[in-house]
Amino acid sequence: MGYKVLTLSPGSTSTKVAVFDGTEALFRLNVTHPADELARFDSAADQFDYRRQTILDALAEQGIRLEDIDAFSGYCGAMGPTVGGIFAIDDTVCEHVMNAGVNHPAILGAPLLHAFAQATGKPAYAVNQPDTDELADVARITGWPGVYRKSHVHCLNQKECAIRCAAELGMGYEEGNFIVAHVGGGLSVACHERGRMVDTNDVLEGAGPFAPNRSGDVPAKPVVKMAFSEGASKKQMDGVVGKTGGLLGLLGTDDARKIVERIENGDEWAATVYDAMAYQVAKYVAGFAAVVRGKVDGIVLTGGVSHDPRFVSYVTERVGWIAPVKVYAGDFEMDALAAGAIRALDGKEQVMTYTGEPSWKGFACEGALPDVEA
């Protein structure tokens, strides 16, 4: 028997809830919230009591009492940018996220966890949050004055899989260099150098390889022409960047399983497009090897698409010469939240106090132009 950890992740129309006994999940639930229920609330913040009760009801149905839990850990939106790691959730965290001007239920992660912690006298943690930003300054620069790269990646799953890879290779995460490609609905590739994600693509801003439903890097001039000469709306442009581009735009579906079936049935265009996504992932992985001067200890493939042997084989053939390729297919975010809480309880990882100060405040050197907000 290990520590019992409750993990949660509030989403737009559901709340993921799981309880772990050590590293073993006792149960995992995706508590759905009907649209007519959510329509009663003017903002995401107003959903606090409703979501809290649905979580308590779900626990009761599983025969779990809050008093049985040793720690609480969750996905807490609007905390960043922060460094990666484990933060204690306290009043400062809750005040910051609830006043961040973000109208998404992810902001309820910290307040819900804090309420449960206060009710039981047990600790609550935020682990490797989505706004983690550990980029090196040289990784931020673009050729467009005032436009700088930021870090928006699948940080929680990225770091968890890098930790697992390090353990499999007989070292600590902070002791090695790893390149991780998370390929799901979104696609993020990051270079982890001695425990920090020093370079990444930016999933939210449309950078990196194209993904199942995101455009990725594209030549700038044709995009400018579409926006101005051809009169495309901002909504249309944003849609291709983040919702309707990538495999969906090129093949009419973002379901990799359906695309693989089409390939097996002789669809040559589907094969070319699908292989192009894998090709771009391999290029990014190989490019990030230069960041750590070729000293890569492990390459990790994760996310839903990494279940597919064709995709894994295509990437591995092109990057396996750099370092061993490890595959952790799927999503380990809830497991990562539990593992982080256990490291904190065992004293194996320092628990930080949140101050609200961003991890990156701009370039320290003189002459830097101000950031351009979208």
Protein backbone atom coordinates (compact mmCIF):
# COMPACT_ATOMS: atom_id res chain seq x y z
CA MET A 1 0.00 0.00 0.00
CA GLY A 2 1.30 3.43 -0.92
CA TYR A 3 0.12 6.99 -0.60
CA LYS A 4 -3.39 7.63 -1.83
CA VAL A 5 -3.36 10.58 -4.23
CA LEU A 6 -6.36 12.27 -5.82
CA THR A 7 -5.63 13.85 -9.20
CA LEU A 8 -7.89 16.04 -11.28
CA SER A 9 -7.94 18.03 -14.49
CA PRO A 10 -10.89 20.35 -15.22
CA GLY A 11 -11.77 20.61 -18.91
CA SER A 12 -14.35 22.56 -20.88
CA THR A 13 -17.15 19.99 -20.59
CA SER A 14 -15.75 17.41 -18.18
CA THR A 15 -13.44 16.91 -15.23
CA LYS A 16 -10.91 14.09 -15.21
CA VAL A 17 -10.64 12.53 -11.76
CA ALA A 18 -8.46 9.65 -10.62
CA VAL A 19 -7.33 8.16 -7.34
CA PHE A 20 -4.01 6.36 -7.10
CA ASP A 21 -2.67 3.98 -4.48
CA GLY A 22 1.01 4.59 -5.04
CA THR A 23 1.52 4.37 -8.79
CA GLU A 24 -1.52 2.13 -9.33
CA ALA A 25 -4.80 3.77 -10.32
CA LEU A 26 -7.71 2.65 -8.19
CA PHE A 27 -10.03 4.27 -10.71
CA ARG A 28 -10.08 6.86 -13.49
CA LEU A 29 -13.18 8.83 -14.37
CA ASN A 30 -14.08 11.46 -16.90
CA VAL A 31 -16.96 13.23 -15.17
CA THR A 32 -19.02 14.87 -17.91
CA HIS A 33 -20.89 18.14 -17.41
CA PRO A 34 -23.99 18.50 -19.62
CA ALA A 35 -24.24 21.69 -21.65
CA ASP A 36 -27.53 22.67 -19.99
CA GLU A 37 -25.85 22.42 -16.56
CA LEU A 38 -22.91 24.57 -17.60
CA ALA A 39 -25.23 27.11 -19.22
CA ARG A 40 -26.38 28.13 -15.74
CA PHE A 41 -23.01 29.77 -15.08
CA ASP A 42 -21.86 33.11 -16.44
CA SER A 43 -18.15 32.25 -16.20
CA ALA A 44 -15.82 29.35 -15.56
CA ALA A 45 -15.06 30.71 -12.09
CA ASP A 46 -18.76 30.44 -11.20
CA GLN A 47 -18.60 26.67 -11.73
CA PHE A 48 -16.49 26.10 -8.61
CA ASP A 49 -19.21 24.77 -6.27
CA TYR A 50 -20.82 22.73 -9.04
CA ARG A 51 -17.55 21.04 -10.05
CA ARG A 52 -16.56 20.48 -6.43
CA GLN A 53 -19.80 18.63 -5.75
CA THR A 54 -19.56 16.49 -8.88
CA ILE A 55 -16.07 15.40 -7.82
CA LEU A 56 -17.27 14.55 -4.31
CA ASP A 57 -20.21 12.60 -5.76
CA ALA A 58 -17.86 10.67 -8.04
CA LEU A 59 -15.63 9.80 -5.10
CA ALA A 60 -18.61 8.66 -3.05
CA GLU A 61 -19.73 6.34 -5.84
CA GLN A 62 -16.27 4.75 -5.74
CA GLY A 63 -16.35 4.39 -1.96
CA ILE A 64 -13.57 6.95 -1.44
CA ARG A 65 -13.66 9.58 1.31
CA LEU A 66 -11.61 12.75 1.18
CA GLU A 67 -10.15 11.73 4.54
CA ASP A 68 -8.64 8.67 2.83
CA ILE A 69 -6.48 10.84 0.58
CA ASP A 70 -2.86 11.65 1.49
CA ALA A 71 -2.32 14.36 -1.13
CA PHE A 72 -4.08 16.19 -3.93
CA SER A 73 -2.49 16.98 -7.28
CA GLY A 74 -3.83 18.51 -10.45
CA TYR A 75 -3.74 20.43 -13.68
CA CYS A 76 -3.84 24.10 -12.72
CA GLY A 77 -4.30 26.59 -15.51
CA ALA A 78 -3.15 30.24 -15.55
CA MET A 79 -0.21 29.82 -13.16
CA GLY A 80 2.48 30.64 -15.66
CA PRO A 81 4.85 31.20 -17.02
CA THR A 82 6.69 29.22 -14.32
CA VAL A 83 9.64 26.91 -14.12
CA GLY A 84 8.82 23.24 -14.18
CA GLY A 85 8.51 21.21 -11.01
CA ILE A 86 6.17 20.99 -8.04
CA PHE A 87 4.45 23.95 -6.41
CA ALA A 88 2.49 23.89 -3.18
CA ILE A 89 -1.03 25.13 -3.84
CA ASP A 90 -1.87 27.90 -1.39
CA ASP A 91 -3.92 31.10 -1.19
CA THR A 92 -1.45 32.94 -3.44
CA VAL A 93 -1.84 30.40 -6.23
CA CYS A 94 -5.64 30.48 -5.99
CA GLU A 95 -5.81 34.26 -5.94
CA HIS A 96 -3.53 34.51 -8.95
CA VAL A 97 -5.36 32.02 -11.19
CA MET A 98 -8.83 33.30 -10.30
CA ASN A 99 -7.79 36.85 -11.18
CA ALA A 100 -5.79 36.02 -14.29
CA GLY A 101 -8.57 37.04 -16.66
CA VAL A 102 -8.85 33.51 -18.07
CA ASN A 103 -12.36 32.18 -18.67
CA HIS A 104 -11.60 28.46 -18.83
CA PRO A 105 -12.37 25.77 -16.23
CA ALA A 106 -8.65 24.93 -16.00
CA ILE A 107 -8.39 27.86 -13.58
CA LEU A 108 -10.49 25.84 -11.11
CA GLY A 109 -7.83 23.18 -10.71
CA ALA A 110 -5.91 25.01 -7.99
CA PRO A 111 -8.96 26.29 -6.01
CA LEU A 112 -10.59 22.84 -6.03
CA LEU A 113 -7.42 21.13 -4.85
CA HIS A 114 -6.85 23.81 -2.23
CA ALA A 115 -10.39 23.39 -0.89
CA PHE A 116 -9.91 19.63 -0.56
CA ALA A 117 -6.54 20.14 1.13
CA GLN A 118 -7.96 22.62 3.62
CA ALA A 119 -10.84 20.28 4.44
CA THR A 120 -8.48 17.40 5.26
CA GLY A 121 -5.26 19.05 6.40
CA LYS A 122 -3.38 17.28 3.59
CA PRO A 123 -1.11 18.94 0.98
CA ALA A 124 -2.09 19.95 -2.54
CA TYR A 125 0.36 20.26 -5.42
CA ALA A 126 0.60 21.71 -8.91
CA VAL A 127 2.96 19.57 -10.99
CA ASN A 128 4.70 20.65 -14.22
CA GLN A 129 2.00 23.06 -15.23
CA PRO A 130 0.93 23.79 -18.84
CA ASP A 131 2.46 27.28 -18.81
CA THR A 132 5.90 26.03 -17.83
CA ASP A 133 8.51 28.12 -19.64
CA GLU A 134 12.18 27.19 -19.28
CA LEU A 135 13.41 28.29 -22.70
CA ALA A 136 16.95 29.50 -23.21
CA ASP A 137 17.10 33.09 -24.48
CA VAL A 138 18.65 32.03 -27.80
CA ALA A 139 15.65 29.75 -28.38
CA ARG A 140 13.23 32.69 -28.08
CA ILE A 141 14.58 34.86 -30.88
CA THR A 142 12.86 35.01 -34.26
CA GLY A 143 13.72 37.07 -37.31
CA TRP A 144 10.61 39.21 -36.85
CA PRO A 145 11.54 42.08 -34.52
CA GLY A 146 9.51 42.00 -31.33
CA VAL A 147 8.03 38.54 -31.96
CA TYR A 148 9.53 35.98 -29.62
CA ARG A 149 8.93 32.30 -29.08
CA LYS A 150 7.23 31.14 -25.91
CA SER A 151 6.76 27.69 -24.44
CA HIS A 152 3.34 26.09 -24.84
CA VAL A 153 3.77 22.33 -24.94
CA HIS A 154 2.40 19.17 -23.32
CA CYS A 155 4.69 19.81 -20.36
CA LEU A 156 3.17 17.35 -17.87
CA ASN A 157 3.28 14.36 -20.22
CA GLN A 158 6.58 15.51 -21.75
CA LYS A 159 8.37 15.58 -18.40
CA GLU A 160 6.75 12.40 -17.10
CA CYS A 161 7.88 10.43 -20.14
CA ALA A 162 11.38 11.92 -19.95
CA ILE A 163 11.51 10.88 -16.27
CA ARG A 164 10.47 7.34 -17.27
CA CYS A 165 13.05 7.22 -20.03
CA ALA A 166 15.77 8.39 -17.64
CA ALA A 167 14.83 5.70 -15.12
CA GLU A 168 14.88 3.05 -17.84
CA LEU A 169 18.37 4.21 -18.80
CA GLY A 170 19.53 4.10 -15.18
CA MET A 171 19.83 7.82 -14.54
CA GLY A 172 17.89 10.74 -13.08
CA TYR A 173 15.93 13.17 -15.23
CA GLU A 174 18.23 16.01 -14.10
CA GLU A 175 21.30 14.01 -15.10
CA GLY A 176 20.55 13.50 -18.79
CA ASN A 177 19.47 15.09 -22.04
CA PHE A 178 16.27 13.93 -23.71
CA ILE A 179 14.25 14.87 -26.77
CA VAL A 180 10.53 14.16 -26.41
CA ALA A 181 7.90 14.22 -29.16
CA HIS A 182 4.29 14.19 -27.96
CA VAL A 183 2.10 13.40 -30.97
CA GLY A 184 -1.62 13.54 -30.30
CA GLY A 185 -4.30 16.02 -31.39
CA GLY A 186 -1.57 18.60 -30.80
CA LEU A 187 2.09 17.96 -31.40
CA SER A 188 4.97 19.19 -29.28
CA VAL A 189 8.67 18.42 -29.47
CA ALA A 190 10.99 19.59 -26.69
CA CYS A 191 14.65 19.38 -25.81
CA HIS A 192 15.13 18.55 -22.12
CA GLU A 193 18.61 19.45 -20.93
CA ARG A 194 19.47 18.40 -17.39
CA GLY A 195 15.90 18.74 -16.13
CA ARG A 196 14.80 21.83 -18.08
CA MET A 197 12.91 22.20 -21.37
CA VAL A 198 15.37 24.60 -22.97
CA ASP A 199 13.83 24.56 -26.46
CA THR A 200 10.40 23.62 -27.80
CA ASN A 201 7.93 24.39 -30.51
CA ASP A 202 4.87 26.43 -29.47
CA VAL A 203 1.70 24.38 -29.85
CA LEU A 204 -0.69 27.27 -29.25
CA GLU A 205 0.99 29.66 -31.68
CA GLY A 206 1.16 27.11 -34.50
CA ALA A 207 4.88 26.34 -34.56
CA GLY A 208 6.58 23.01 -35.15
CA PRO A 209 5.62 19.97 -37.23
CA PHE A 210 2.05 19.90 -38.46
CA ALA A 211 -0.26 17.85 -36.28
CA PRO A 212 -3.52 15.90 -36.70
CA ASN A 213 -5.51 19.17 -36.60
CA ARG A 214 -2.90 21.97 -36.50
CA SER A 215 -0.95 23.57 -39.31
CA GLY A 216 2.53 23.77 -37.80
CA ASP A 217 5.26 25.81 -39.47
CA VAL A 218 4.27 27.21 -42.87
CA PRO A 219 5.92 29.75 -45.21
CA ALA A 220 4.98 33.24 -44.05
CA LYS A 221 4.34 35.03 -47.36
CA PRO A 222 1.50 32.80 -48.61
CA VAL A 223 -0.20 33.19 -45.22
CA VAL A 224 0.11 36.98 -45.42
CA LYS A 225 -1.37 36.86 -48.93
CA MET A 226 -4.33 34.80 -47.72
CA ALA A 227 -5.00 37.27 -44.93
CA PHE A 228 -4.78 40.43 -47.03
CA SER A 229 -5.03 39.82 -50.77
CA GLU A 230 -7.58 37.01 -50.53
CA GLY A 231 -9.49 38.46 -47.59
CA ALA A 232 -9.43 35.50 -45.22
CA SER A 233 -10.82 36.38 -41.78
CA LYS A 234 -8.87 36.12 -38.54
CA LYS A 235 -11.25 33.37 -37.44
CA GLN A 236 -10.52 31.37 -40.58
CA MET A 237 -6.77 31.84 -40.18
CA ASP A 238 -6.83 30.91 -36.49
CA GLY A 239 -8.93 27.87 -37.34
CA VAL A 240 -6.36 26.46 -39.74
CA VAL A 241 -3.56 27.13 -37.26
CA GLY A 242 -5.20 25.39 -34.33
CA LYS A 243 -8.28 23.36 -35.32
CA THR A 244 -8.71 22.54 -38.99
CA GLY A 245 -5.17 22.32 -40.38
CA GLY A 246 -2.75 19.41 -40.44
CA LEU A 247 -4.07 15.93 -41.20
CA LEU A 248 -7.66 17.17 -40.89
CA GLY A 249 -7.21 19.86 -43.52
CA LEU A 250 -5.18 17.67 -45.87
CA LEU A 251 -7.06 14.39 -45.53
CA GLY A 252 -10.44 15.29 -44.05
CA THR A 253 -9.84 13.48 -40.77
CA ASP A 254 -7.52 13.82 -37.78
CA ASP A 255 -7.99 10.17 -36.74
CA ALA A 256 -4.66 8.47 -37.35
CA ARG A 257 -6.29 5.05 -37.19
CA LYS A 258 -8.57 5.87 -40.12
CA ILE A 259 -5.66 7.27 -42.07
CA VAL A 260 -3.57 4.15 -41.51
CA GLU A 261 -6.52 2.07 -42.72
CA ARG A 262 -6.70 4.21 -45.88
CA ILE A 263 -2.97 3.69 -46.41
CA GLU A 264 -3.37 -0.07 -46.04
CA ASN A 265 -6.11 0.11 -48.68
CA GLY A 266 -3.75 1.77 -51.15
CA ASP A 267 -4.39 5.50 -50.62
CA GLU A 268 -1.07 6.97 -51.79
CA TRP A 269 -1.94 10.58 -50.90
CA ALA A 270 -2.82 9.55 -47.35
CA ALA A 271 0.53 7.74 -47.12
CA THR A 272 2.43 10.79 -48.38
CA VAL A 273 0.71 13.19 -45.96
CA TYR A 274 1.00 10.88 -42.96
CA ASP A 275 4.67 10.21 -43.66
CA ALA A 276 5.23 13.96 -44.05
CA MET A 277 4.05 14.49 -40.47
CA ALA A 278 6.45 11.81 -39.24
CA TYR A 279 9.19 13.31 -41.43
CA GLN A 280 8.74 16.71 -39.80
CA VAL A 281 8.81 15.18 -36.32
CA ALA A 282 12.09 13.44 -37.16
CA LYS A 283 13.57 16.72 -38.45
CA TYR A 284 12.64 18.53 -35.26
CA VAL A 285 14.08 15.76 -33.09
CA ALA A 286 17.34 15.77 -35.04
CA GLY A 287 17.48 19.56 -34.93
CA PHE A 288 17.13 19.61 -31.16
CA ALA A 289 20.09 17.24 -30.91
CA ALA A 290 22.20 20.23 -31.96
CA VAL A 291 20.97 22.16 -28.92
CA VAL A 292 22.81 19.73 -26.61
CA ARG A 293 25.76 19.32 -28.99
CA GLY A 294 24.69 15.81 -29.94
CA LYS A 295 24.86 14.56 -26.37
CA VAL A 296 21.39 13.00 -26.29
CA ASP A 297 20.74 10.18 -23.82
CA GLY A 298 17.28 9.23 -25.03
CA ILE A 299 14.58 10.07 -27.56
CA VAL A 300 10.97 9.62 -26.50
CA LEU A 301 7.83 9.17 -28.59
CA THR A 302 4.54 9.60 -26.74
CA GLY A 303 0.94 10.66 -27.36
CA GLY A 304 -1.84 8.75 -29.09
CA VAL A 305 -0.25 8.57 -32.56
CA SER A 306 2.74 6.79 -31.03
CA HIS A 307 0.56 3.68 -30.78
CA ASP A 308 0.99 3.31 -34.55
CA PRO A 309 3.95 1.11 -35.61
CA ARG A 310 4.21 2.84 -39.00
CA PHE A 311 4.69 6.26 -37.44
CA VAL A 312 7.14 4.96 -34.82
CA SER A 313 9.16 3.06 -37.40
CA TYR A 314 9.37 6.05 -39.76
CA VAL A 315 10.70 8.36 -37.04
CA THR A 316 12.98 5.77 -35.45
CA GLU A 317 14.69 4.94 -38.75
CA ARG A 318 15.66 8.60 -39.09
CA VAL A 319 16.70 9.48 -35.54
CA GLY A 320 17.73 6.17 -33.97
CA TRP A 321 21.36 6.90 -34.80
CA ILE A 322 21.29 9.84 -32.38
CA ALA A 323 20.19 7.97 -29.24
CA PRO A 324 17.96 5.08 -28.12
CA VAL A 325 14.28 5.64 -28.99
CA LYS A 326 11.79 4.82 -26.24
CA VAL A 327 8.05 4.68 -26.88
CA TYR A 328 5.49 5.53 -24.19
CA ALA A 329 2.36 5.65 -26.30
CA GLY A 330 -0.68 7.46 -24.95
CA ASP A 331 -1.26 10.06 -22.27
CA PHE A 332 0.24 9.77 -18.78
CA GLU A 333 -0.90 13.09 -17.35
CA MET A 334 -2.94 11.73 -14.44
CA ASP A 335 -0.15 9.27 -13.63
CA ALA A 336 2.32 12.16 -13.78
CA LEU A 337 0.28 14.20 -11.31
CA ALA A 338 0.22 11.28 -8.87
CA ALA A 339 3.93 10.55 -9.36
CA GLY A 340 4.79 14.19 -8.68
CA ALA A 341 2.79 14.20 -5.45
CA ILE A 342 4.55 11.02 -4.33
CA ARG A 343 7.97 12.53 -5.04
CA ALA A 344 6.94 15.53 -2.94
CA LEU A 345 5.66 13.39 -0.06
CA ASP A 346 8.82 11.28 -0.11
CA GLY A 347 11.05 14.36 -0.16
CA LYS A 348 12.61 13.30 -3.47
CA GLU A 349 11.77 16.58 -5.19
CA GLN A 350 11.74 20.07 -3.73
CA VAL A 351 8.32 21.65 -3.35
CA MET A 352 8.42 25.29 -4.41
CA THR A 353 6.43 28.24 -3.09
CA TYR A 354 4.56 30.13 -5.77
CA THR A 355 5.12 33.89 -5.88
CA GLY A 356 3.32 34.82 -9.09
CA GLU A 357 6.56 36.13 -10.60
CA PRO A 358 6.97 34.84 -14.18
CA SER A 359 9.89 32.57 -14.98
CA TRP A 360 10.73 34.79 -17.96
CA LYS A 361 10.43 38.56 -17.64
CA GLY A 362 12.10 39.53 -20.88
CA PHE A 363 15.68 39.72 -22.07
CA ALA A 364 18.14 41.04 -19.51
CA CYS A 365 20.47 42.48 -22.12
CA GLU A 366 20.07 46.05 -23.34
CA GLY A 367 18.59 46.78 -26.74
CA ALA A 368 15.91 44.07 -26.72
CA LEU A 369 12.67 45.11 -28.40
CA PRO A 370 9.40 44.76 -26.51
CA ASP A 371 7.32 41.67 -27.04
CA VAL A 372 4.53 41.91 -29.62
CA GLU A 373 1.20 40.67 -28.24
CA ALA A 374 -1.06 38.80 -30.62
